[in-house]
């Protein structure tokens, strides 16, 4: 599946500001969260939080007792258990990692001045990853309520793969430049 111009125009035509859908909510959340998140946190904190997202995702999707507990629940409660466990673990990891050596490993304690486009890129990638993760916990019946474009971008196998890999690629590509700049000073 690939993203085409016709899919984008079809999606744009379906947006209705007077009767908003979940797709519109996701689009607005994505845009607003990217700007506010990037402007308020900065590059280094965003990267640390992104590492926390990956850790929380790895733990929540592989905890055996959550899977056993889910077997006794209905479909909607399954989402709630995964979502609550993910958000709870993410918040705990955020506080632990923000006070750990990981933030200092980026060299600035989270207060460096970064290129605005790097901050926005990392913010964009993190918000997209977060949306993809949260939607992955939804039952298939709920996912059918989203437009095909939203499902393609955030829930298709390719979409999930891109949201998981793109932040890692960005950290690899743009992390080395900051280290090299510090050594030159």
C-alpha atoms as a PDB file:
ATOM      1  CA  UNK A   1       0.000   0.000   0.000  1.00  0.00           C
ATOM      2  CA  UNK A   2       1.331   3.412  -0.855  1.00  0.00           C
ATOM      3  CA  UNK A   3       0.158   6.929  -0.168  1.00  0.00           C
ATOM      4  CA  UNK A   4      -1.118   8.738  -3.233  1.00  0.00           C
ATOM      5  CA  UNK A   5      -2.240  12.268  -4.033  1.00  0.00           C
ATOM      6  CA  UNK A   6      -5.764  11.027  -4.735  1.00  0.00           C
ATOM      7  CA  UNK A   7      -5.943   9.490  -1.242  1.00  0.00           C
ATOM      8  CA  UNK A   8      -4.868  12.804   0.270  1.00  0.00           C
ATOM      9  CA  UNK A   9      -7.452  14.766  -1.709  1.00  0.00           C
ATOM     10  CA  UNK A  10     -10.179  12.226  -0.855  1.00  0.00           C
ATOM     11  CA  UNK A  11      -9.251  12.544   2.803  1.00  0.00           C
ATOM     12  CA  UNK A  12      -9.280  16.357   2.619  1.00  0.00           C
ATOM     13  CA  UNK A  13     -12.764  16.271   1.083  1.00  0.00           C
ATOM     14  CA  UNK A  14     -14.082  14.095   3.907  1.00  0.00           C
ATOM     15  CA  UNK A  15     -12.931  16.502   6.632  1.00  0.00           C
ATOM     16  CA  UNK A  16     -15.953  18.183   8.173  1.00  0.00           C
ATOM     17  CA  UNK A  17     -15.204  20.847  10.791  1.00  0.00           C
ATOM     18  CA  UNK A  18     -18.869  21.111  11.819  1.00  0.00           C
ATOM     19  CA  UNK A  19     -19.193  17.388  12.525  1.00  0.00           C
ATOM     20  CA  UNK A  20     -15.669  16.284  13.455  1.00  0.00           C
ATOM     21  CA  UNK A  21     -14.605  12.657  13.129  1.00  0.00           C
ATOM     22  CA  UNK A  22     -11.828  10.789  14.900  1.00  0.00           C
ATOM     23  CA  UNK A  23      -9.712  11.262  11.781  1.00  0.00           C
ATOM     24  CA  UNK A  24     -10.022  15.031  12.128  1.00  0.00           C
ATOM     25  CA  UNK A  25      -9.230  14.809  15.828  1.00  0.00           C
ATOM     26  CA  UNK A  26      -6.076  12.802  15.046  1.00  0.00           C
ATOM     27  CA  UNK A  27      -5.032  15.286  12.350  1.00  0.00           C
ATOM     28  CA  UNK A  28      -5.521  18.308  14.629  1.00  0.00           C
ATOM     29  CA  UNK A  29      -3.863  16.542  17.566  1.00  0.00           C
ATOM     30  CA  UNK A  30      -0.925  15.578  15.347  1.00  0.00           C
ATOM     31  CA  UNK A  31      -0.384  19.148  14.121  1.00  0.00           C
ATOM     32  CA  UNK A  32      -0.912  20.925  17.444  1.00  0.00           C
ATOM     33  CA  UNK A  33       1.002  18.390  19.524  1.00  0.00           C
ATOM     34  CA  UNK A  34       3.969  18.473  17.146  1.00  0.00           C
ATOM     35  CA  UNK A  35       4.321  22.259  17.392  1.00  0.00           C
ATOM     36  CA  UNK A  36       3.581  22.642  21.108  1.00  0.00           C
ATOM     37  CA  UNK A  37       5.566  19.599  22.108  1.00  0.00           C
ATOM     38  CA  UNK A  38       8.625  20.600  20.115  1.00  0.00           C
ATOM     39  CA  UNK A  39       8.489  24.225  21.216  1.00  0.00           C
ATOM     40  CA  UNK A  40       8.161  23.382  24.900  1.00  0.00           C
ATOM     41  CA  UNK A  41      10.563  20.471  25.360  1.00  0.00           C
ATOM     42  CA  UNK A  42      13.511  20.805  23.016  1.00  0.00           C
ATOM     43  CA  UNK A  43      15.442  18.195  21.094  1.00  0.00           C
ATOM     44  CA  UNK A  44      17.262  16.372  23.888  1.00  0.00           C
ATOM     45  CA  UNK A  45      14.215  15.899  26.109  1.00  0.00           C
ATOM     46  CA  UNK A  46      12.187  14.730  23.106  1.00  0.00           C
ATOM     47  CA  UNK A  47      14.816  12.093  22.343  1.00  0.00           C
ATOM     48  CA  UNK A  48      14.854  10.890  25.955  1.00  0.00           C
ATOM     49  CA  UNK A  49      11.050  10.698  25.961  1.00  0.00           C
ATOM     50  CA  UNK A  50      11.193   8.831  22.648  1.00  0.00           C
ATOM     51  CA  UNK A  51      13.489   6.251  24.244  1.00  0.00           C
ATOM     52  CA  UNK A  52      10.916   5.949  27.025  1.00  0.00           C
ATOM     53  CA  UNK A  53       8.195   5.343  24.430  1.00  0.00           C
ATOM     54  CA  UNK A  54      10.190   2.499  22.914  1.00  0.00           C
ATOM     55  CA  UNK A  55      10.849   0.980  26.343  1.00  0.00           C
ATOM     56  CA  UNK A  56       7.189   1.216  27.382  1.00  0.00           C
ATOM     57  CA  UNK A  57       6.069  -0.315  24.084  1.00  0.00           C
ATOM     58  CA  UNK A  58       8.545  -3.184  24.407  1.00  0.00           C
ATOM     59  CA  UNK A  59       7.473  -3.952  27.958  1.00  0.00           C
ATOM     60  CA  UNK A  60       3.695  -3.602  27.505  1.00  0.00           C
ATOM     61  CA  UNK A  61       3.566  -5.713  24.355  1.00  0.00           C
ATOM     62  CA  UNK A  62       5.600  -8.499  25.968  1.00  0.00           C
ATOM     63  CA  UNK A  63       4.428  -8.703  29.594  1.00  0.00           C
ATOM     64  CA  UNK A  64       3.050 -12.221  30.077  1.00  0.00           C
ATOM     65  CA  UNK A  65       0.628 -11.458  32.924  1.00  0.00           C
ATOM     66  CA  UNK A  66      -1.085  -8.707  30.897  1.00  0.00           C
ATOM     67  CA  UNK A  67      -1.728 -11.216  28.101  1.00  0.00           C
ATOM     68  CA  UNK A  68      -3.151 -13.735  30.606  1.00  0.00           C
ATOM     69  CA  UNK A  69      -5.277 -11.015  32.206  1.00  0.00           C
ATOM     70  CA  UNK A  70      -6.542  -9.938  28.762  1.00  0.00           C
ATOM     71  CA  UNK A  71      -7.826 -13.444  28.052  1.00  0.00           C
ATOM     72  CA  UNK A  72     -10.549 -12.893  30.659  1.00  0.00           C
ATOM     73  CA  UNK A  73     -11.592  -9.455  29.383  1.00  0.00           C
ATOM     74  CA  UNK A  74     -13.849  -8.307  26.621  1.00  0.00           C
ATOM     75  CA  UNK A  75     -12.377  -6.566  23.580  1.00  0.00           C
ATOM     76  CA  UNK A  76     -12.927  -2.973  24.787  1.00  0.00           C
ATOM     77  CA  UNK A  77     -11.444  -3.663  28.213  1.00  0.00           C
ATOM     78  CA  UNK A  78      -8.412  -5.223  26.520  1.00  0.00           C
ATOM     79  CA  UNK A  79      -7.701  -1.830  24.943  1.00  0.00           C
ATOM     80  CA  UNK A  80      -8.072  -0.107  28.301  1.00  0.00           C
ATOM     81  CA  UNK A  81      -5.636  -2.483  30.012  1.00  0.00           C
ATOM     82  CA  UNK A  82      -2.992  -2.090  27.290  1.00  0.00           C
ATOM     83  CA  UNK A  83      -3.472   1.664  27.018  1.00  0.00           C
ATOM     84  CA  UNK A  84      -3.400   2.222  30.783  1.00  0.00           C
ATOM     85  CA  UNK A  85      -0.360  -0.009  31.248  1.00  0.00           C
ATOM     86  CA  UNK A  86       1.435   1.729  28.375  1.00  0.00           C
ATOM     87  CA  UNK A  87       0.665   5.280  29.565  1.00  0.00           C
ATOM     88  CA  UNK A  88       1.450   4.420  33.197  1.00  0.00           C
ATOM     89  CA  UNK A  89       4.772   2.825  32.324  1.00  0.00           C
ATOM     90  CA  UNK A  90       5.592   5.636  29.921  1.00  0.00           C
ATOM     91  CA  UNK A  91       5.004   8.281  32.616  1.00  0.00           C
ATOM     92  CA  UNK A  92       7.154   6.381  35.131  1.00  0.00           C
ATOM     93  CA  UNK A  93       9.928   5.951  32.555  1.00  0.00           C
ATOM     94  CA  UNK A  94       9.691   9.629  31.598  1.00  0.00           C
ATOM     95  CA  UNK A  95      10.358  10.704  35.189  1.00  0.00           C
ATOM     96  CA  UNK A  96      13.109   8.139  35.704  1.00  0.00           C
ATOM     97  CA  UNK A  97      14.858   8.826  32.393  1.00  0.00           C
ATOM     98  CA  UNK A  98      14.604  12.608  32.673  1.00  0.00           C
ATOM     99  CA  UNK A  99      16.640  12.404  35.860  1.00  0.00           C
ATOM    100  CA  UNK A 100      19.048   9.762  34.605  1.00  0.00           C
ATOM    101  CA  UNK A 101      22.401   9.819  32.928  1.00  0.00           C
ATOM    102  CA  UNK A 102      20.658   9.344  29.587  1.00  0.00           C
ATOM    103  CA  UNK A 103      19.746  13.024  29.377  1.00  0.00           C
ATOM    104  CA  UNK A 104      23.276  14.007  30.407  1.00  0.00           C
ATOM    105  CA  UNK A 105      24.611  11.658  27.721  1.00  0.00           C
ATOM    106  CA  UNK A 106      23.210  14.034  25.162  1.00  0.00           C
ATOM    107  CA  UNK A 107      25.585  16.559  26.695  1.00  0.00           C
ATOM    108  CA  UNK A 108      23.310  19.395  27.700  1.00  0.00           C
ATOM    109  CA  UNK A 109      20.882  18.268  30.333  1.00  0.00           C
ATOM    110  CA  UNK A 110      18.066  19.080  27.930  1.00  0.00           C
ATOM    111  CA  UNK A 111      18.739  22.823  27.676  1.00  0.00           C
ATOM    112  CA  UNK A 112      20.673  23.063  24.426  1.00  0.00           C
ATOM    113  CA  UNK A 113      19.694  25.284  21.579  1.00  0.00           C
ATOM    114  CA  UNK A 114      19.001  23.034  18.600  1.00  0.00           C
ATOM    115  CA  UNK A 115      18.028  23.685  15.052  1.00  0.00           C
ATOM    116  CA  UNK A 116      14.304  24.421  15.008  1.00  0.00           C
ATOM    117  CA  UNK A 117      13.803  21.965  12.184  1.00  0.00           C
ATOM    118  CA  UNK A 118      15.477  19.166  14.166  1.00  0.00           C
ATOM    119  CA  UNK A 119      13.218  19.867  17.136  1.00  0.00           C
ATOM    120  CA  UNK A 120      10.137  19.859  14.890  1.00  0.00           C
ATOM    121  CA  UNK A 121      11.305  16.701  13.091  1.00  0.00           C
ATOM    122  CA  UNK A 122      11.838  14.791  16.331  1.00  0.00           C
ATOM    123  CA  UNK A 123       8.562  16.139  17.695  1.00  0.00           C
ATOM    124  CA  UNK A 124       6.720  15.107  14.510  1.00  0.00           C
ATOM    125  CA  UNK A 125       8.231  11.618  14.624  1.00  0.00           C
ATOM    126  CA  UNK A 126       7.481  11.150  18.312  1.00  0.00           C
ATOM    127  CA  UNK A 127       3.851  12.276  18.061  1.00  0.00           C
ATOM    128  CA  UNK A 128       3.368  10.029  15.004  1.00  0.00           C
ATOM    129  CA  UNK A 129       4.915   7.104  16.878  1.00  0.00           C
ATOM    130  CA  UNK A 130       2.671   7.756  19.868  1.00  0.00           C
ATOM    131  CA  UNK A 131      -0.467   7.880  17.702  1.00  0.00           C
ATOM    132  CA  UNK A 132       0.542   4.670  15.939  1.00  0.00           C
ATOM    133  CA  UNK A 133       1.172   2.922  19.261  1.00  0.00           C
ATOM    134  CA  UNK A 134      -2.126   4.019  20.811  1.00  0.00           C
ATOM    135  CA  UNK A 135      -4.079   3.029  17.692  1.00  0.00           C
ATOM    136  CA  UNK A 136      -2.346  -0.365  17.704  1.00  0.00           C
ATOM    137  CA  UNK A 137      -4.066  -1.126  21.013  1.00  0.00           C
ATOM    138  CA  UNK A 138      -7.535  -0.489  19.563  1.00  0.00           C
ATOM    139  CA  UNK A 139      -9.658  -3.476  18.557  1.00  0.00           C
ATOM    140  CA  UNK A 140     -10.095  -4.076  14.821  1.00  0.00           C
ATOM    141  CA  UNK A 141     -13.756  -3.091  15.027  1.00  0.00           C
ATOM    142  CA  UNK A 142     -12.789   0.376  16.271  1.00  0.00           C
ATOM    143  CA  UNK A 143     -10.119   0.777  13.599  1.00  0.00           C
ATOM    144  CA  UNK A 144     -12.765   0.298  10.898  1.00  0.00           C
ATOM    145  CA  UNK A 145     -14.244   3.670  11.929  1.00  0.00           C
ATOM    146  CA  UNK A 146     -11.150   5.499  10.695  1.00  0.00           C
ATOM    147  CA  UNK A 147     -10.631   6.554   7.108  1.00  0.00           C
ATOM    148  CA  UNK A 148      -8.512   4.329   4.865  1.00  0.00           C
ATOM    149  CA  UNK A 149      -5.816   7.029   4.796  1.00  0.00           C
ATOM    150  CA  UNK A 150      -5.556   7.164   8.599  1.00  0.00           C
ATOM    151  CA  UNK A 151      -5.354   3.376   8.760  1.00  0.00           C
ATOM    152  CA  UNK A 152      -2.716   3.381   6.004  1.00  0.00           C
ATOM    153  CA  UNK A 153      -0.532   5.985   7.698  1.00  0.00           C
ATOM    154  CA  UNK A 154      -0.779   4.760  11.284  1.00  0.00           C
ATOM    155  CA  UNK A 155      -1.998   1.163  11.281  1.00  0.00           C
ATOM    156  CA  UNK A 156      -0.880  -0.641   8.158  1.00  0.00           C
ATOM    157  CA  UNK A 157       2.137  -2.895   8.554  1.00  0.00           C
ATOM    158  CA  UNK A 158       4.169  -0.428   6.503  1.00  0.00           C
ATOM    159  CA  UNK A 159       2.878   2.556   8.460  1.00  0.00           C
ATOM    160  CA  UNK A 160       3.703   1.012  11.845  1.00  0.00           C
ATOM    161  CA  UNK A 161       7.125  -0.021  10.560  1.00  0.00           C
ATOM    162  CA  UNK A 162       7.880   3.513   9.348  1.00  0.00           C
ATOM    163  CA  UNK A 163       6.767   5.092  12.656  1.00  0.00           C
ATOM    164  CA  UNK A 164       8.953   2.649  14.603  1.00  0.00           C
ATOM    165  CA  UNK A 165      12.041   2.988  12.383  1.00  0.00           C
ATOM    166  CA  UNK A 166      11.957   6.672  11.354  1.00  0.00           C
ATOM    167  CA  UNK A 167      12.701   8.076  14.839  1.00  0.00           C
ATOM    168  CA  UNK A 168      15.606   5.648  15.223  1.00  0.00           C
ATOM    169  CA  UNK A 169      16.959   6.670  11.822  1.00  0.00           C
ATOM    170  CA  UNK A 170      16.607  10.355  12.743  1.00  0.00           C
ATOM    171  CA  UNK A 171      18.458   9.806  16.027  1.00  0.00           C
ATOM    172  CA  UNK A 172      21.267   8.046  14.178  1.00  0.00           C
ATOM    173  CA  UNK A 173      21.464  10.637  11.398  1.00  0.00           C
ATOM    174  CA  UNK A 174      21.209  13.772  13.516  1.00  0.00           C
ATOM    175  CA  UNK A 175      22.687  12.582  16.810  1.00  0.00           C
ATOM    176  CA  UNK A 176      26.243  12.363  15.480  1.00  0.00           C
ATOM    177  CA  UNK A 177      26.326  15.928  14.226  1.00  0.00           C
ATOM    178  CA  UNK A 178      25.638  17.307  17.686  1.00  0.00           C
ATOM    179  CA  UNK A 179      28.433  15.185  19.206  1.00  0.00           C
ATOM    180  CA  UNK A 180      30.857  16.270  16.486  1.00  0.00           C
ATOM    181  CA  UNK A 181      29.946  19.927  17.035  1.00  0.00           C
ATOM    182  CA  UNK A 182      30.635  19.607  20.802  1.00  0.00           C
ATOM    183  CA  UNK A 183      34.068  18.091  20.203  1.00  0.00           C
ATOM    184  CA  UNK A 184      35.018  20.898  17.815  1.00  0.00           C
ATOM    185  CA  UNK A 185      34.247  23.600  20.398  1.00  0.00           C
END
